[in-house]
Amino acid sequence: MKIGIDIGGSHIGVGLIEKQKILASKERNFTREDRKNFETTILRFISEMVDELLKENQLQIEAIELIGIAAPGTSSEGKIVKAGNLNLQNFEIISHLKKEFHNPIQIRNDGKCAALAEKAYGAMKDFDDCIFINIGTGIGGAAFLGGKLLEPKRYSGFEFGHMVVNQGGRLCSCGKQGCFEAYSSIKALKNKITQTLDMDSDISGQYLREELLKEDDLRIQEDVEVFLEYLKTGIGNLITIFEPEVVCFGGSFAYYEKNWIFEKLIEKLKQPNATFNNGELPSIVTAKFKNDAGIIGAVIA
């Protein structure tokens, strides 16, 4: 039995895992108050949710062979080195958790955790050359060539969200201007649309998708068009560089498969010169495990 933990920009998910199946899970969203001290909040949420899962399933912590953490940004040597959306730097998360849990604990970038789950058991399992793009509060991802995850020796790398798509453009959480993430994350889309509609931006991703984006609303047409144009640019760049057999969308965007925005994106990617090979697209799929992919992938060795 293993425990997978997925730290997102808006929530934390914790799951009890046997093989590739989540037997039970918990999820908590961050409030504005929680965001004032993310380190304390993250540690408290993890401790409480793990305890609840164990009690509800009549388990002792000794029965857990591994705790895996999927964390945003750069992770190295048991800590979160940098996570812009959570304003975390050099957060020694494993050493803190070891004070309470004496189980083996591992940590890996959340995009790569989700990608590993989809490659091993999900939407990418039948392909060798794959690009996984996690689109939610931020944008991350992973690449497989010849069936192997590409992993740099230094940091986790493949921070797709921080390639610049508009030099001198919007300020990104990483401190640069014009990053892909600043234009084409779900957070960026939500912020722009709620600003246009003069709404509180603290709405759920589900409300954004199922209410504000259920149809092509003329009031937000320009916002969506900008979002999709930059999304096309970023994805087109990745297809041109890696020439994958499949592109898999994870994170909140995995839930957009039946939304008109997803169909419009495919149309844009088929336009002449959107990719080097002029519209000959790889398979475009969404994550089988949706937002659970990070929890499952967190415990893959």
C-alpha atoms as a PDB file:
ATOM      1  CA  MET A   1       0.000   0.000   0.000  1.00  0.00           C
ATOM      2  CA  LYS A   2       1.292   3.469  -0.919  1.00  0.00           C
ATOM      3  CA  ILE A   3       0.212   7.077  -0.425  1.00  0.00           C
ATOM      4  CA  GLY A   4       0.382   9.581  -3.267  1.00  0.00           C
ATOM      5  CA  ILE A   5       0.252  13.326  -2.637  1.00  0.00           C
ATOM      6  CA  ASP A   6      -0.369  15.873  -5.380  1.00  0.00           C
ATOM      7  CA  ILE A   7       0.353  19.506  -4.486  1.00  0.00           C
ATOM      8  CA  GLY A   8      -1.371  21.792  -6.963  1.00  0.00           C
ATOM      9  CA  GLY A   9      -1.660  25.535  -7.292  1.00  0.00           C
ATOM     10  CA  SER A  10      -5.201  25.550  -5.920  1.00  0.00           C
ATOM     11  CA  HIS A  11      -5.496  22.334  -3.899  1.00  0.00           C
ATOM     12  CA  ILE A  12      -3.818  19.257  -2.439  1.00  0.00           C
ATOM     13  CA  GLY A  13      -4.962  15.733  -3.230  1.00  0.00           C
ATOM     14  CA  VAL A  14      -3.947  12.664  -1.214  1.00  0.00           C
ATOM     15  CA  GLY A  15      -4.693   9.091  -2.253  1.00  0.00           C
ATOM     16  CA  LEU A  16      -4.298   5.592  -0.868  1.00  0.00           C
ATOM     17  CA  ILE A  17      -2.904   3.506  -3.720  1.00  0.00           C
ATOM     18  CA  GLU A  18      -2.610  -0.201  -4.415  1.00  0.00           C
ATOM     19  CA  LYS A  19      -0.901  -0.953  -7.710  1.00  0.00           C
ATOM     20  CA  GLN A  20      -2.255   1.747 -10.051  1.00  0.00           C
ATOM     21  CA  LYS A  21      -5.625   2.152  -8.373  1.00  0.00           C
ATOM     22  CA  ILE A  22      -6.682   4.849  -5.929  1.00  0.00           C
ATOM     23  CA  LEU A  23      -8.622   3.036  -3.212  1.00  0.00           C
ATOM     24  CA  ALA A  24      -9.569   6.185  -1.298  1.00  0.00           C
ATOM     25  CA  SER A  25      -8.700   9.861  -1.570  1.00  0.00           C
ATOM     26  CA  LYS A  26      -9.034  13.278   0.023  1.00  0.00           C
ATOM     27  CA  GLU A  27      -8.830  16.756  -1.468  1.00  0.00           C
ATOM     28  CA  ARG A  28      -8.652  20.233   0.021  1.00  0.00           C
ATOM     29  CA  ASN A  29      -8.684  23.581  -1.756  1.00  0.00           C
ATOM     30  CA  PHE A  30      -6.530  26.498  -0.661  1.00  0.00           C
ATOM     31  CA  THR A  31      -8.346  29.563   0.649  1.00  0.00           C
ATOM     32  CA  ARG A  32      -6.925  33.077   0.565  1.00  0.00           C
ATOM     33  CA  GLU A  33      -6.045  32.657   4.241  1.00  0.00           C
ATOM     34  CA  ASP A  34      -4.214  29.387   3.517  1.00  0.00           C
ATOM     35  CA  ARG A  35      -2.073  31.148   0.919  1.00  0.00           C
ATOM     36  CA  LYS A  36      -0.541  33.486   3.485  1.00  0.00           C
ATOM     37  CA  ASN A  37       1.796  30.730   4.665  1.00  0.00           C
ATOM     38  CA  PHE A  38       1.910  27.931   2.137  1.00  0.00           C
ATOM     39  CA  GLU A  39       4.598  25.894   3.893  1.00  0.00           C
ATOM     40  CA  THR A  40       2.573  25.593   7.097  1.00  0.00           C
ATOM     41  CA  THR A  41      -0.653  24.973   5.167  1.00  0.00           C
ATOM     42  CA  ILE A  42       0.852  22.218   3.005  1.00  0.00           C
ATOM     43  CA  LEU A  43       2.336  20.361   5.962  1.00  0.00           C
ATOM     44  CA  ARG A  44      -0.887  20.659   7.953  1.00  0.00           C
ATOM     45  CA  PHE A  45      -3.107  19.515   5.073  1.00  0.00           C
ATOM     46  CA  ILE A  46      -0.884  16.510   4.334  1.00  0.00           C
ATOM     47  CA  SER A  47      -0.735  15.458   7.984  1.00  0.00           C
ATOM     48  CA  GLU A  48      -4.483  15.765   8.475  1.00  0.00           C
ATOM     49  CA  MET A  49      -5.502  14.048   5.236  1.00  0.00           C
ATOM     50  CA  VAL A  50      -3.077  11.149   5.645  1.00  0.00           C
ATOM     51  CA  ASP A  51      -4.341  10.635   9.190  1.00  0.00           C
ATOM     52  CA  GLU A  52      -7.969  10.697   8.014  1.00  0.00           C
ATOM     53  CA  LEU A  53      -7.296   8.218   5.199  1.00  0.00           C
ATOM     54  CA  LEU A  54      -5.567   5.784   7.533  1.00  0.00           C
ATOM     55  CA  LYS A  55      -8.300   5.954  10.159  1.00  0.00           C
ATOM     56  CA  GLU A  56     -11.145   5.605   7.665  1.00  0.00           C
ATOM     57  CA  ASN A  57      -9.475   2.566   6.095  1.00  0.00           C
ATOM     58  CA  GLN A  58      -8.392   1.031   9.421  1.00  0.00           C
ATOM     59  CA  LEU A  59      -4.701   1.153   8.573  1.00  0.00           C
ATOM     60  CA  GLN A  60      -1.555   1.965  10.513  1.00  0.00           C
ATOM     61  CA  ILE A  61       1.140   4.165   8.998  1.00  0.00           C
ATOM     62  CA  GLU A  62       3.520   1.172   9.193  1.00  0.00           C
ATOM     63  CA  ALA A  63       1.427  -0.499   6.459  1.00  0.00           C
ATOM     64  CA  ILE A  64       2.487   2.230   3.991  1.00  0.00           C
ATOM     65  CA  GLU A  65       5.569   1.210   2.034  1.00  0.00           C
ATOM     66  CA  LEU A  66       6.080   4.548   0.276  1.00  0.00           C
ATOM     67  CA  ILE A  67       4.833   8.143   0.358  1.00  0.00           C
ATOM     68  CA  GLY A  68       5.221   9.905  -2.988  1.00  0.00           C
ATOM     69  CA  ILE A  69       4.880  13.644  -3.525  1.00  0.00           C
ATOM     70  CA  ALA A  70       4.064  15.323  -6.831  1.00  0.00           C
ATOM     71  CA  ALA A  71       5.178  18.933  -6.409  1.00  0.00           C
ATOM     72  CA  PRO A  72       5.006  21.952  -8.716  1.00  0.00           C
ATOM     73  CA  GLY A  73       8.147  23.618 -10.017  1.00  0.00           C
ATOM     74  CA  THR A  74      11.659  22.373  -9.390  1.00  0.00           C
ATOM     75  CA  SER A  75      12.350  19.645  -6.835  1.00  0.00           C
ATOM     76  CA  SER A  76      15.798  18.436  -5.865  1.00  0.00           C
ATOM     77  CA  GLU A  77      17.347  16.567  -2.944  1.00  0.00           C
ATOM     78  CA  GLY A  78      14.101  16.273  -1.013  1.00  0.00           C
ATOM     79  CA  LYS A  79      13.009  19.880  -1.276  1.00  0.00           C
ATOM     80  CA  ILE A  80      10.929  22.141  -3.465  1.00  0.00           C
ATOM     81  CA  VAL A  81      13.626  24.428  -4.844  1.00  0.00           C
ATOM     82  CA  LYS A  82      11.256  26.801  -6.619  1.00  0.00           C
ATOM     83  CA  ALA A  83       7.508  26.876  -7.185  1.00  0.00           C
ATOM     84  CA  GLY A  84       6.403  30.280  -8.460  1.00  0.00           C
ATOM     85  CA  ASN A  85       2.635  29.786  -8.185  1.00  0.00           C
ATOM     86  CA  LEU A  86       2.971  28.829  -4.507  1.00  0.00           C
ATOM     87  CA  ASN A  87       5.716  31.360  -3.777  1.00  0.00           C
ATOM     88  CA  LEU A  88       7.928  28.589  -2.398  1.00  0.00           C
ATOM     89  CA  GLN A  89      11.726  28.521  -2.400  1.00  0.00           C
ATOM     90  CA  ASN A  90      14.000  25.898  -0.872  1.00  0.00           C
ATOM     91  CA  PHE A  91      11.138  24.330   1.076  1.00  0.00           C
ATOM     92  CA  GLU A  92      12.572  21.292   2.910  1.00  0.00           C
ATOM     93  CA  ILE A  93       9.315  19.391   2.677  1.00  0.00           C
ATOM     94  CA  ILE A  94      10.666  15.868   3.139  1.00  0.00           C
ATOM     95  CA  SER A  95      12.727  16.693   6.230  1.00  0.00           C
ATOM     96  CA  HIS A  96       9.619  18.299   7.774  1.00  0.00           C
ATOM     97  CA  LEU A  97       7.424  15.290   6.927  1.00  0.00           C
ATOM     98  CA  LYS A  98      10.049  12.868   8.263  1.00  0.00           C
ATOM     99  CA  LYS A  99       9.420  14.304  11.730  1.00  0.00           C
ATOM    100  CA  GLU A 100       5.972  12.714  11.586  1.00  0.00           C
ATOM    101  CA  PHE A 101       6.268   9.908   9.043  1.00  0.00           C
ATOM    102  CA  HIS A 102       9.207   7.488   9.141  1.00  0.00           C
ATOM    103  CA  ASN A 103       8.250   5.836   5.863  1.00  0.00           C
ATOM    104  CA  PRO A 104      10.332   6.194   2.684  1.00  0.00           C
ATOM    105  CA  ILE A 105       9.339   9.486   0.981  1.00  0.00           C
ATOM    106  CA  GLN A 106      10.103  10.558  -2.569  1.00  0.00           C
ATOM    107  CA  ILE A 107       9.382  13.773  -4.449  1.00  0.00           C
ATOM    108  CA  ARG A 108       9.199  14.569  -8.149  1.00  0.00           C
ATOM    109  CA  ASN A 109       7.846  17.359 -10.339  1.00  0.00           C
ATOM    110  CA  ASP A 110       4.048  17.090 -10.630  1.00  0.00           C
ATOM    111  CA  GLY A 111       3.982  17.186 -14.424  1.00  0.00           C
ATOM    112  CA  LYS A 112       6.386  14.282 -14.599  1.00  0.00           C
ATOM    113  CA  CYS A 113       4.440  12.297 -12.014  1.00  0.00           C
ATOM    114  CA  ALA A 114       1.240  12.694 -14.019  1.00  0.00           C
ATOM    115  CA  ALA A 115       3.098  11.847 -17.223  1.00  0.00           C
ATOM    116  CA  LEU A 116       4.520   8.650 -15.715  1.00  0.00           C
ATOM    117  CA  ALA A 117       1.029   7.517 -14.697  1.00  0.00           C
ATOM    118  CA  GLU A 118      -0.371   8.177 -18.158  1.00  0.00           C
ATOM    119  CA  LYS A 119       2.608   6.476 -19.840  1.00  0.00           C
ATOM    120  CA  ALA A 120       2.474   3.395 -17.614  1.00  0.00           C
ATOM    121  CA  TYR A 121      -1.282   2.884 -17.346  1.00  0.00           C
ATOM    122  CA  GLY A 122      -3.167   5.609 -19.184  1.00  0.00           C
ATOM    123  CA  ALA A 123      -3.600   7.518 -22.419  1.00  0.00           C
ATOM    124  CA  MET A 124       0.045   7.270 -23.576  1.00  0.00           C
ATOM    125  CA  LYS A 125       0.751   3.607 -22.793  1.00  0.00           C
ATOM    126  CA  ASP A 126       0.629   2.496 -26.444  1.00  0.00           C
ATOM    127  CA  PHE A 127       3.063   5.165 -27.693  1.00  0.00           C
ATOM    128  CA  ASP A 128       6.859   5.539 -27.524  1.00  0.00           C
ATOM    129  CA  ASP A 129       7.385   9.217 -28.362  1.00  0.00           C
ATOM    130  CA  CYS A 130       5.103  11.318 -26.176  1.00  0.00           C
ATOM    131  CA  ILE A 131       4.603  14.855 -24.944  1.00  0.00           C
ATOM    132  CA  PHE A 132       2.583  15.377 -21.768  1.00  0.00           C
ATOM    133  CA  ILE A 133       1.369  18.911 -21.050  1.00  0.00           C
ATOM    134  CA  ASN A 134      -0.101  19.649 -17.644  1.00  0.00           C
ATOM    135  CA  ILE A 135      -2.304  22.752 -17.884  1.00  0.00           C
ATOM    136  CA  GLY A 136      -3.886  24.061 -14.708  1.00  0.00           C
ATOM    137  CA  THR A 137      -2.781  26.800 -12.327  1.00  0.00           C
ATOM    138  CA  GLY A 138       0.500  26.645 -14.216  1.00  0.00           C
ATOM    139  CA  ILE A 139       1.891  24.699 -17.166  1.00  0.00           C
ATOM    140  CA  GLY A 140       4.376  21.853 -16.830  1.00  0.00           C
ATOM    141  CA  GLY A 141       5.032  18.591 -18.528  1.00  0.00           C
ATOM    142  CA  ALA A 142       7.322  15.831 -19.638  1.00  0.00           C
ATOM    143  CA  ALA A 143       8.680  14.153 -22.747  1.00  0.00           C
ATOM    144  CA  PHE A 144       9.287  10.505 -23.620  1.00  0.00           C
ATOM    145  CA  LEU A 145      11.455   9.395 -26.511  1.00  0.00           C
ATOM    146  CA  GLY A 146      11.705   5.707 -27.342  1.00  0.00           C
ATOM    147  CA  GLY A 147       9.475   5.010 -24.356  1.00  0.00           C
ATOM    148  CA  LYS A 148      11.922   6.593 -21.879  1.00  0.00           C
ATOM    149  CA  LEU A 149      11.243   9.655 -19.751  1.00  0.00           C
ATOM    150  CA  LEU A 150      13.758  12.383 -20.551  1.00  0.00           C
ATOM    151  CA  GLU A 151      15.343  13.549 -17.277  1.00  0.00           C
ATOM    152  CA  PRO A 152      18.159  16.114 -17.014  1.00  0.00           C
ATOM    153  CA  LYS A 153      20.994  15.541 -14.529  1.00  0.00           C
ATOM    154  CA  ARG A 154      20.593  18.913 -12.788  1.00  0.00           C
ATOM    155  CA  TYR A 155      17.029  20.082 -12.194  1.00  0.00           C
ATOM    156  CA  SER A 156      13.775  18.485 -13.299  1.00  0.00           C
ATOM    157  CA  GLY A 157      13.618  20.541 -16.512  1.00  0.00           C
ATOM    158  CA  PHE A 158      10.895  20.523 -19.167  1.00  0.00           C
ATOM    159  CA  GLU A 159       9.253  23.602 -17.668  1.00  0.00           C
ATOM    160  CA  PHE A 160       7.183  24.090 -20.797  1.00  0.00           C
ATOM    161  CA  GLY A 161       5.224  26.875 -19.137  1.00  0.00           C
ATOM    162  CA  HIS A 162       8.272  29.086 -18.872  1.00  0.00           C
ATOM    163  CA  MET A 163       9.283  29.218 -22.504  1.00  0.00           C
ATOM    164  CA  VAL A 164       8.694  32.773 -23.685  1.00  0.00           C
ATOM    165  CA  VAL A 165       5.949  33.150 -26.293  1.00  0.00           C
ATOM    166  CA  ASN A 166       5.666  36.956 -26.143  1.00  0.00           C
ATOM    167  CA  GLN A 167       8.900  38.808 -25.404  1.00  0.00           C
ATOM    168  CA  GLY A 168       8.240  41.638 -22.945  1.00  0.00           C
ATOM    169  CA  GLY A 169       4.636  40.471 -22.393  1.00  0.00           C
ATOM    170  CA  ARG A 170       2.680  39.641 -19.232  1.00  0.00           C
ATOM    171  CA  LEU A 171       4.604  39.202 -15.998  1.00  0.00           C
ATOM    172  CA  CYS A 172       4.829  35.545 -14.980  1.00  0.00           C
ATOM    173  CA  SER A 173       5.017  34.148 -11.444  1.00  0.00           C
ATOM    174  CA  CYS A 174       8.592  33.065 -12.222  1.00  0.00           C
ATOM    175  CA  GLY A 175       9.641  36.703 -12.653  1.00  0.00           C
ATOM    176  CA  LYS A 176      10.069  36.660 -16.439  1.00  0.00           C
ATOM    177  CA  GLN A 177       7.752  38.348 -18.919  1.00  0.00           C
ATOM    178  CA  GLY A 178       5.782  36.703 -21.688  1.00  0.00           C
ATOM    179  CA  CYS A 179       5.882  33.085 -20.506  1.00  0.00           C
ATOM    180  CA  PHE A 180       3.576  30.486 -22.063  1.00  0.00           C
ATOM    181  CA  GLU A 181       2.052  29.942 -18.595  1.00  0.00           C
ATOM    182  CA  ALA A 182       1.170  33.632 -18.237  1.00  0.00           C
ATOM    183  CA  TYR A 183      -1.062  33.375 -21.324  1.00  0.00           C
ATOM    184  CA  SER A 184      -2.293  29.792 -21.578  1.00  0.00           C
ATOM    185  CA  SER A 185      -2.681  28.333 -18.096  1.00  0.00           C
ATOM    186  CA  ILE A 186      -6.217  27.831 -16.821  1.00  0.00           C
ATOM    187  CA  LYS A 187      -5.378  30.392 -14.125  1.00  0.00           C
ATOM    188  CA  ALA A 188      -4.484  32.978 -16.770  1.00  0.00           C
ATOM    189  CA  LEU A 189      -7.704  32.302 -18.681  1.00  0.00           C
ATOM    190  CA  LYS A 190      -9.801  32.469 -15.506  1.00  0.00           C
ATOM    191  CA  ASN A 191      -8.202  35.736 -14.384  1.00  0.00           C
ATOM    192  CA  LYS A 192      -8.750  37.380 -17.757  1.00  0.00           C
ATOM    193  CA  ILE A 193     -12.359  36.247 -18.145  1.00  0.00           C
ATOM    194  CA  THR A 194     -13.403  37.181 -14.599  1.00  0.00           C
ATOM    195  CA  GLN A 195     -11.772  40.575 -15.092  1.00  0.00           C
ATOM    196  CA  THR A 196     -13.716  41.102 -18.312  1.00  0.00           C
ATOM    197  CA  LEU A 197     -16.977  40.030 -16.635  1.00  0.00           C
ATOM    198  CA  ASP A 198     -16.155  42.010 -13.457  1.00  0.00           C
ATOM    199  CA  MET A 199     -16.378  38.885 -11.281  1.00  0.00           C
ATOM    200  CA  ASP A 200     -14.457  37.608  -8.285  1.00  0.00           C
ATOM    201  CA  SER A 201     -11.546  35.578  -9.666  1.00  0.00           C
ATOM    202  CA  ASP A 202     -11.774  33.113  -6.766  1.00  0.00           C
ATOM    203  CA  ILE A 203     -14.087  30.738  -8.659  1.00  0.00           C
ATOM    204  CA  SER A 204     -13.559  27.036  -9.268  1.00  0.00           C
ATOM    205  CA  GLY A 205     -12.126  25.620 -12.454  1.00  0.00           C
ATOM    206  CA  GLN A 206     -15.313  23.605 -12.844  1.00  0.00           C
ATOM    207  CA  TYR A 207     -17.448  26.769 -12.731  1.00  0.00           C
ATOM    208  CA  LEU A 208     -15.195  28.375 -15.336  1.00  0.00           C
ATOM    209  CA  ARG A 209     -15.512  25.375 -17.638  1.00  0.00           C
ATOM    210  CA  GLU A 210     -19.176  24.475 -17.158  1.00  0.00           C
ATOM    211  CA  GLU A 211     -20.718  27.921 -16.750  1.00  0.00           C
ATOM    212  CA  LEU A 212     -18.561  30.711 -18.165  1.00  0.00           C
ATOM    213  CA  LEU A 213     -17.233  28.613 -21.051  1.00  0.00           C
ATOM    214  CA  LYS A 214     -20.238  26.445 -21.838  1.00  0.00           C
ATOM    215  CA  GLU A 215     -20.831  28.433 -25.013  1.00  0.00           C
ATOM    216  CA  ASP A 216     -19.044  30.933 -27.225  1.00  0.00           C
ATOM    217  CA  ASP A 217     -19.981  34.086 -25.272  1.00  0.00           C
ATOM    218  CA  LEU A 218     -19.356  37.250 -27.311  1.00  0.00           C
ATOM    219  CA  ARG A 219     -18.291  39.149 -24.173  1.00  0.00           C
ATOM    220  CA  ILE A 220     -15.250  36.930 -23.649  1.00  0.00           C
ATOM    221  CA  GLN A 221     -14.544  35.957 -27.234  1.00  0.00           C
ATOM    222  CA  GLU A 222     -11.371  38.044 -27.428  1.00  0.00           C
ATOM    223  CA  ASP A 223     -10.048  36.614 -24.140  1.00  0.00           C
ATOM    224  CA  VAL A 224     -10.564  33.060 -25.369  1.00  0.00           C
ATOM    225  CA  GLU A 225      -9.026  33.850 -28.751  1.00  0.00           C
ATOM    226  CA  VAL A 226      -5.843  35.205 -27.131  1.00  0.00           C
ATOM    227  CA  PHE A 227      -5.688  32.151 -24.859  1.00  0.00           C
ATOM    228  CA  LEU A 228      -6.047  29.752 -27.792  1.00  0.00           C
ATOM    229  CA  GLU A 229      -3.575  31.576 -30.037  1.00  0.00           C
ATOM    230  CA  TYR A 230      -0.838  31.373 -27.427  1.00  0.00           C
ATOM    231  CA  LEU A 231      -1.813  27.798 -26.593  1.00  0.00           C
ATOM    232  CA  LYS A 232      -1.471  26.931 -30.276  1.00  0.00           C
ATOM    233  CA  THR A 233       1.931  28.632 -30.382  1.00  0.00           C
ATOM    234  CA  GLY A 234       3.291  26.812 -27.346  1.00  0.00           C
ATOM    235  CA  ILE A 235       1.992  23.387 -28.348  1.00  0.00           C
ATOM    236  CA  GLY A 236       3.065  23.936 -31.939  1.00  0.00           C
ATOM    237  CA  ASN A 237       6.599  24.663 -30.715  1.00  0.00           C
ATOM    238  CA  LEU A 238       6.679  21.438 -28.686  1.00  0.00           C
ATOM    239  CA  ILE A 239       5.368  19.356 -31.598  1.00  0.00           C
ATOM    240  CA  THR A 240       7.964  20.890 -33.902  1.00  0.00           C
ATOM    241  CA  ILE A 241      10.821  20.209 -31.456  1.00  0.00           C
ATOM    242  CA  PHE A 242       9.907  16.676 -30.345  1.00  0.00           C
ATOM    243  CA  GLU A 243       7.746  15.338 -33.218  1.00  0.00           C
ATOM    244  CA  PRO A 244       5.801  13.093 -30.815  1.00  0.00           C
ATOM    245  CA  GLU A 245       3.385  10.349 -31.751  1.00  0.00           C
ATOM    246  CA  VAL A 246       0.957  11.669 -29.152  1.00  0.00           C
ATOM    247  CA  VAL A 247       0.299  14.860 -27.196  1.00  0.00           C
ATOM    248  CA  CYS A 248      -1.574  14.273 -23.938  1.00  0.00           C
ATOM    249  CA  PHE A 249      -3.223  17.062 -21.952  1.00  0.00           C
ATOM    250  CA  GLY A 250      -3.371  16.732 -18.178  1.00  0.00           C
ATOM    251  CA  GLY A 251      -4.330  18.988 -15.291  1.00  0.00           C
ATOM    252  CA  SER A 252      -7.582  20.927 -15.410  1.00  0.00           C
ATOM    253  CA  PHE A 253      -7.423  21.084 -19.204  1.00  0.00           C
ATOM    254  CA  ALA A 254      -7.965  17.314 -19.356  1.00  0.00           C
ATOM    255  CA  TYR A 255     -11.615  18.043 -18.488  1.00  0.00           C
ATOM    256  CA  TYR A 256     -12.043  20.230 -21.591  1.00  0.00           C
ATOM    257  CA  GLU A 257     -12.149  17.292 -24.008  1.00  0.00           C
ATOM    258  CA  LYS A 258     -15.857  17.822 -24.798  1.00  0.00           C
ATOM    259  CA  ASN A 259     -15.739  21.612 -24.563  1.00  0.00           C
ATOM    260  CA  TRP A 260     -15.885  23.748 -27.718  1.00  0.00           C
ATOM    261  CA  ILE A 261     -12.539  25.321 -26.756  1.00  0.00           C
ATOM    262  CA  PHE A 262     -10.759  21.971 -27.181  1.00  0.00           C
ATOM    263  CA  GLU A 263     -12.221  21.512 -30.663  1.00  0.00           C
ATOM    264  CA  LYS A 264     -11.193  25.041 -31.617  1.00  0.00           C
ATOM    265  CA  LEU A 265      -7.630  24.391 -30.450  1.00  0.00           C
ATOM    266  CA  ILE A 266      -7.378  21.318 -32.712  1.00  0.00           C
ATOM    267  CA  GLU A 267      -8.611  23.430 -35.630  1.00  0.00           C
ATOM    268  CA  LYS A 268      -5.917  26.007 -34.936  1.00  0.00           C
ATOM    269  CA  LEU A 269      -3.184  23.355 -34.701  1.00  0.00           C
ATOM    270  CA  LYS A 270      -4.222  22.130 -38.152  1.00  0.00           C
ATOM    271  CA  GLN A 271      -3.720  25.565 -39.695  1.00  0.00           C
ATOM    272  CA  PRO A 272      -0.829  25.970 -42.176  1.00  0.00           C
ATOM    273  CA  ASN A 273       2.483  26.644 -40.395  1.00  0.00           C
ATOM    274  CA  ALA A 274       1.108  26.020 -36.888  1.00  0.00           C
ATOM    275  CA  THR A 275       3.707  23.230 -36.815  1.00  0.00           C
ATOM    276  CA  PHE A 276       6.753  22.598 -38.984  1.00  0.00           C
ATOM    277  CA  ASN A 277       5.088  19.718 -40.806  1.00  0.00           C
ATOM    278  CA  ASN A 278       2.002  21.745 -41.699  1.00  0.00           C
ATOM    279  CA  GLY A 279      -0.938  20.232 -39.906  1.00  0.00           C
ATOM    280  CA  GLU A 280       0.170  16.591 -39.835  1.00  0.00           C
ATOM    281  CA  LEU A 281      -0.679  16.334 -36.178  1.00  0.00           C
ATOM    282  CA  PRO A 282       0.178  13.573 -33.731  1.00  0.00           C
ATOM    283  CA  SER A 283      -2.675  11.978 -31.800  1.00  0.00           C
ATOM    284  CA  ILE A 284      -4.188  14.547 -29.420  1.00  0.00           C
ATOM    285  CA  VAL A 285      -5.613  12.986 -26.238  1.00  0.00           C
ATOM    286  CA  THR A 286      -6.540  13.886 -22.678  1.00  0.00           C
ATOM    287  CA  ALA A 287      -5.282  12.190 -19.533  1.00  0.00           C
ATOM    288  CA  LYS A 288      -7.154   9.012 -18.647  1.00  0.00           C
ATOM    289  CA  PHE A 289      -6.724   9.703 -14.937  1.00  0.00           C
ATOM    290  CA  LYS A 290      -7.498  13.439 -15.202  1.00  0.00           C
ATOM    291  CA  ASN A 291      -6.378  15.207 -11.990  1.00  0.00           C
ATOM    292  CA  ASP A 292      -5.667  11.868 -10.293  1.00  0.00           C
ATOM    293  CA  ALA A 293      -2.684  11.242 -12.560  1.00  0.00           C
ATOM    294  CA  GLY A 294      -0.293  13.127 -10.270  1.00  0.00           C
ATOM    295  CA  ILE A 295      -1.319  11.112  -7.214  1.00  0.00           C
ATOM    296  CA  ILE A 296      -0.819   7.806  -9.057  1.00  0.00           C
ATOM    297  CA  GLY A 297       2.455   8.857 -10.672  1.00  0.00           C
ATOM    298  CA  ALA A 298       3.883  10.168  -7.405  1.00  0.00           C
ATOM    299  CA  VAL A 299       4.456   6.595  -6.182  1.00  0.00           C
ATOM    300  CA  ILE A 300       6.012   5.234  -9.377  1.00  0.00           C
ATOM    301  CA  ALA A 301       9.682   4.475  -8.684  1.00  0.00           C
END
